N, C-alpha and C. Protein backbone atom coordinates (compact mmCIF):
# COMPACT_ATOMS: atom_id res chain seq x y z
N UNK A 1 93.23 114.15 65.20
CA UNK A 1 93.19 113.29 66.35
C UNK A 1 94.46 112.47 66.46
N UNK A 2 95.01 112.01 65.35
CA UNK A 2 96.20 111.20 65.43
C UNK A 2 97.46 112.03 65.83
N UNK A 3 97.49 113.35 65.40
CA UNK A 3 98.55 114.19 65.79
C UNK A 3 98.58 114.43 67.27
N UNK A 4 97.39 114.47 67.95
CA UNK A 4 97.29 114.60 69.40
C UNK A 4 97.93 113.40 70.12
N UNK A 5 97.67 112.21 69.55
CA UNK A 5 98.30 111.03 70.10
C UNK A 5 99.74 110.96 69.97
N UNK A 6 100.26 111.50 68.85
CA UNK A 6 101.78 111.56 68.70
C UNK A 6 102.34 112.52 69.72
N UNK A 7 101.66 113.67 69.93
CA UNK A 7 102.16 114.66 70.98
C UNK A 7 102.01 114.03 72.39
N UNK A 8 100.98 113.30 72.63
CA UNK A 8 100.83 112.68 73.90
C UNK A 8 101.85 111.62 74.17
N UNK A 9 102.18 110.83 73.12
CA UNK A 9 103.22 109.87 73.19
C UNK A 9 104.59 110.56 73.47
N UNK A 10 104.84 111.66 72.76
CA UNK A 10 106.09 112.34 72.92
C UNK A 10 106.20 112.87 74.39
N UNK A 11 105.19 113.32 74.91
CA UNK A 11 105.05 113.77 76.31
C UNK A 11 105.43 112.66 77.20
N UNK A 12 104.86 111.47 76.97
CA UNK A 12 105.13 110.32 77.84
C UNK A 12 106.57 109.89 77.73
N UNK A 13 107.22 109.91 76.54
CA UNK A 13 108.64 109.66 76.36
C UNK A 13 109.46 110.67 77.17
N UNK A 14 109.07 111.96 77.14
CA UNK A 14 109.75 112.94 77.89
C UNK A 14 109.65 112.65 79.40
N UNK A 15 108.46 112.27 79.82
CA UNK A 15 108.28 111.97 81.23
C UNK A 15 109.14 110.73 81.63
N UNK A 16 109.29 109.83 80.77
CA UNK A 16 110.17 108.62 81.02
C UNK A 16 111.60 109.14 81.19
N UNK A 17 112.06 109.98 80.33
CA UNK A 17 113.38 110.50 80.44
C UNK A 17 113.62 111.32 81.68
N UNK A 18 112.70 112.12 82.08
CA UNK A 18 112.78 112.93 83.29
C UNK A 18 112.80 111.99 84.55
N UNK A 19 111.85 111.04 84.48
CA UNK A 19 111.82 110.07 85.63
C UNK A 19 113.09 109.32 85.83
N UNK A 20 113.71 108.82 84.71
CA UNK A 20 114.96 108.14 84.84
C UNK A 20 116.07 108.98 85.34
N UNK A 21 116.11 110.26 84.99
CA UNK A 21 117.08 111.12 85.54
C UNK A 21 116.81 111.46 87.01
N UNK A 22 115.65 111.70 87.36
CA UNK A 22 115.36 112.03 88.73
C UNK A 22 115.61 110.87 89.68
N UNK A 23 115.40 109.74 89.24
CA UNK A 23 115.62 108.50 90.10
C UNK A 23 117.07 107.94 89.93
N UNK A 24 117.57 108.01 88.71
CA UNK A 24 118.79 107.36 88.38
C UNK A 24 120.00 108.06 88.93
N UNK A 25 120.02 109.40 88.84
CA UNK A 25 121.16 110.18 89.30
C UNK A 25 121.38 110.03 90.79
N UNK A 26 120.36 110.19 91.66
CA UNK A 26 120.62 110.02 93.09
C UNK A 26 121.04 108.60 93.42
N UNK A 27 120.46 107.61 92.76
CA UNK A 27 120.83 106.21 92.98
C UNK A 27 122.26 105.94 92.66
N UNK A 28 122.70 106.51 91.48
CA UNK A 28 124.12 106.27 91.07
C UNK A 28 125.02 106.96 92.05
N UNK A 29 124.79 108.22 92.47
CA UNK A 29 125.69 108.91 93.34
C UNK A 29 125.66 108.33 94.77
N UNK A 30 124.57 107.72 95.19
CA UNK A 30 124.57 106.93 96.41
C UNK A 30 125.56 105.79 96.37
N UNK A 31 125.49 105.06 95.24
CA UNK A 31 126.37 103.93 95.10
C UNK A 31 127.84 104.41 95.07
N UNK A 32 128.15 105.47 94.40
CA UNK A 32 129.46 106.00 94.28
C UNK A 32 129.91 106.44 95.74
N UNK A 33 129.06 107.04 96.50
CA UNK A 33 129.40 107.49 97.84
C UNK A 33 129.68 106.29 98.75
N UNK A 34 128.89 105.20 98.61
CA UNK A 34 129.20 104.01 99.44
C UNK A 34 130.51 103.45 99.07
N UNK A 35 130.79 103.32 97.78
CA UNK A 35 132.04 102.72 97.36
C UNK A 35 133.29 103.60 97.79
N UNK A 36 133.03 104.93 97.86
CA UNK A 36 134.11 105.77 98.31
C UNK A 36 134.24 105.81 99.86
N UNK A 37 133.32 105.17 100.58
CA UNK A 37 133.37 105.21 102.05
C UNK A 37 132.75 106.43 102.65
N UNK A 38 132.05 107.16 101.90
CA UNK A 38 131.41 108.43 102.43
C UNK A 38 130.03 108.13 103.04
N UNK A 39 129.43 107.02 102.68
CA UNK A 39 128.11 106.64 103.08
C UNK A 39 128.14 105.27 103.74
N UNK A 40 127.29 104.90 104.62
CA UNK A 40 127.21 103.63 105.21
C UNK A 40 126.78 102.52 104.17
N UNK A 41 127.06 101.31 104.48
CA UNK A 41 126.73 100.21 103.53
C UNK A 41 125.24 100.08 103.34
N UNK A 42 124.44 100.33 104.41
CA UNK A 42 123.01 100.19 104.23
C UNK A 42 122.39 101.19 103.21
N UNK A 43 123.21 102.16 102.78
CA UNK A 43 122.63 103.07 101.75
C UNK A 43 122.47 102.35 100.42
N UNK A 44 123.12 101.24 100.25
CA UNK A 44 122.87 100.42 98.99
C UNK A 44 121.39 100.10 98.91
N UNK A 45 120.76 99.77 100.01
CA UNK A 45 119.40 99.46 100.04
C UNK A 45 118.47 100.61 99.55
N UNK A 46 118.80 101.82 100.05
CA UNK A 46 118.09 102.98 99.58
C UNK A 46 118.28 103.25 98.09
N UNK A 47 119.55 103.08 97.66
CA UNK A 47 119.84 103.24 96.18
C UNK A 47 119.08 102.20 95.40
N UNK A 48 119.00 101.03 95.86
CA UNK A 48 118.29 99.94 95.13
C UNK A 48 116.81 100.27 95.08
N UNK A 49 116.25 100.75 96.22
CA UNK A 49 114.77 101.04 96.23
C UNK A 49 114.41 102.20 95.30
N UNK A 50 115.25 103.29 95.25
CA UNK A 50 114.92 104.39 94.40
C UNK A 50 115.13 103.95 92.96
N UNK A 51 116.15 103.10 92.73
CA UNK A 51 116.42 102.62 91.37
C UNK A 51 115.26 101.78 90.83
N UNK A 52 114.66 100.91 91.69
CA UNK A 52 113.60 100.02 91.29
C UNK A 52 112.35 100.80 90.98
N UNK A 53 112.09 101.75 91.89
CA UNK A 53 110.91 102.62 91.63
C UNK A 53 111.06 103.43 90.39
N UNK A 54 112.23 104.01 90.17
CA UNK A 54 112.46 104.74 88.92
C UNK A 54 112.32 103.85 87.68
N UNK A 55 112.89 102.63 87.75
CA UNK A 55 112.70 101.72 86.69
C UNK A 55 111.25 101.36 86.33
N UNK A 56 110.46 101.10 87.36
CA UNK A 56 109.10 100.80 87.17
C UNK A 56 108.33 101.93 86.52
N UNK A 57 108.56 103.17 87.01
CA UNK A 57 107.95 104.34 86.49
C UNK A 57 108.33 104.62 85.02
N UNK A 58 109.67 104.49 84.80
CA UNK A 58 110.17 104.71 83.45
C UNK A 58 109.59 103.73 82.45
N UNK A 59 109.48 102.46 82.83
CA UNK A 59 108.85 101.47 81.87
C UNK A 59 107.40 101.78 81.69
N UNK A 60 106.69 102.18 82.70
CA UNK A 60 105.26 102.59 82.57
C UNK A 60 105.09 103.76 81.57
N UNK A 61 105.97 104.78 81.70
CA UNK A 61 105.88 105.89 80.82
C UNK A 61 106.26 105.50 79.40
N UNK A 62 107.19 104.66 79.25
CA UNK A 62 107.59 104.21 77.95
C UNK A 62 106.40 103.40 77.27
N UNK A 63 105.77 102.57 77.96
CA UNK A 63 104.61 101.86 77.46
C UNK A 63 103.49 102.87 77.05
N UNK A 64 103.27 103.91 77.93
CA UNK A 64 102.27 104.89 77.54
C UNK A 64 102.74 105.65 76.26
N UNK A 65 104.00 105.93 76.12
CA UNK A 65 104.51 106.66 74.92
C UNK A 65 104.25 105.79 73.71
N UNK A 66 104.51 104.50 73.77
CA UNK A 66 104.27 103.67 72.64
C UNK A 66 102.83 103.56 72.25
N UNK A 67 101.98 103.65 73.25
CA UNK A 67 100.51 103.57 72.95
C UNK A 67 99.91 104.93 72.65
N UNK A 68 100.69 106.04 72.75
CA UNK A 68 100.16 107.36 72.42
C UNK A 68 99.26 107.98 73.43
N UNK A 69 99.51 107.55 74.72
CA UNK A 69 98.75 108.03 75.83
C UNK A 69 99.54 109.08 76.59
N UNK A 70 98.87 110.19 77.01
CA UNK A 70 99.52 111.23 77.76
C UNK A 70 99.97 110.71 79.14
N UNK A 71 101.05 111.32 79.73
CA UNK A 71 101.51 110.81 80.95
C UNK A 71 100.49 110.87 82.10
N UNK A 72 99.57 111.81 82.04
CA UNK A 72 98.58 111.97 83.15
C UNK A 72 97.30 111.24 82.90
N UNK A 73 97.19 110.54 81.78
CA UNK A 73 95.92 109.83 81.44
C UNK A 73 96.13 108.37 81.49
N UNK A 74 94.97 107.63 81.51
CA UNK A 74 95.05 106.17 81.52
C UNK A 74 94.69 105.63 80.07
N UNK A 75 93.94 106.41 79.32
CA UNK A 75 93.54 106.04 77.95
C UNK A 75 93.80 107.16 77.00
N UNK A 76 93.75 106.83 75.65
CA UNK A 76 93.86 107.86 74.70
C UNK A 76 92.71 108.87 74.76
N UNK A 77 92.90 110.03 74.28
CA UNK A 77 91.83 111.07 74.22
C UNK A 77 91.05 110.88 73.03
């Protein structure tokens, strides 16, 4: 039973890593594009929005990982 919780926690840590990459990379490149003059200034808002959503999801997955909960579950098995 404990080994399953370790694997579920590892899966949640992996989900946190993937989530931060999926949300962080586009946000970062949007900021770079605005600074380079390739995108309008209002794109900062979109970058901030996707960054905040990514941060919230990453923290949620990290908390699940520390608790040994799988990414798709609310409680331990």
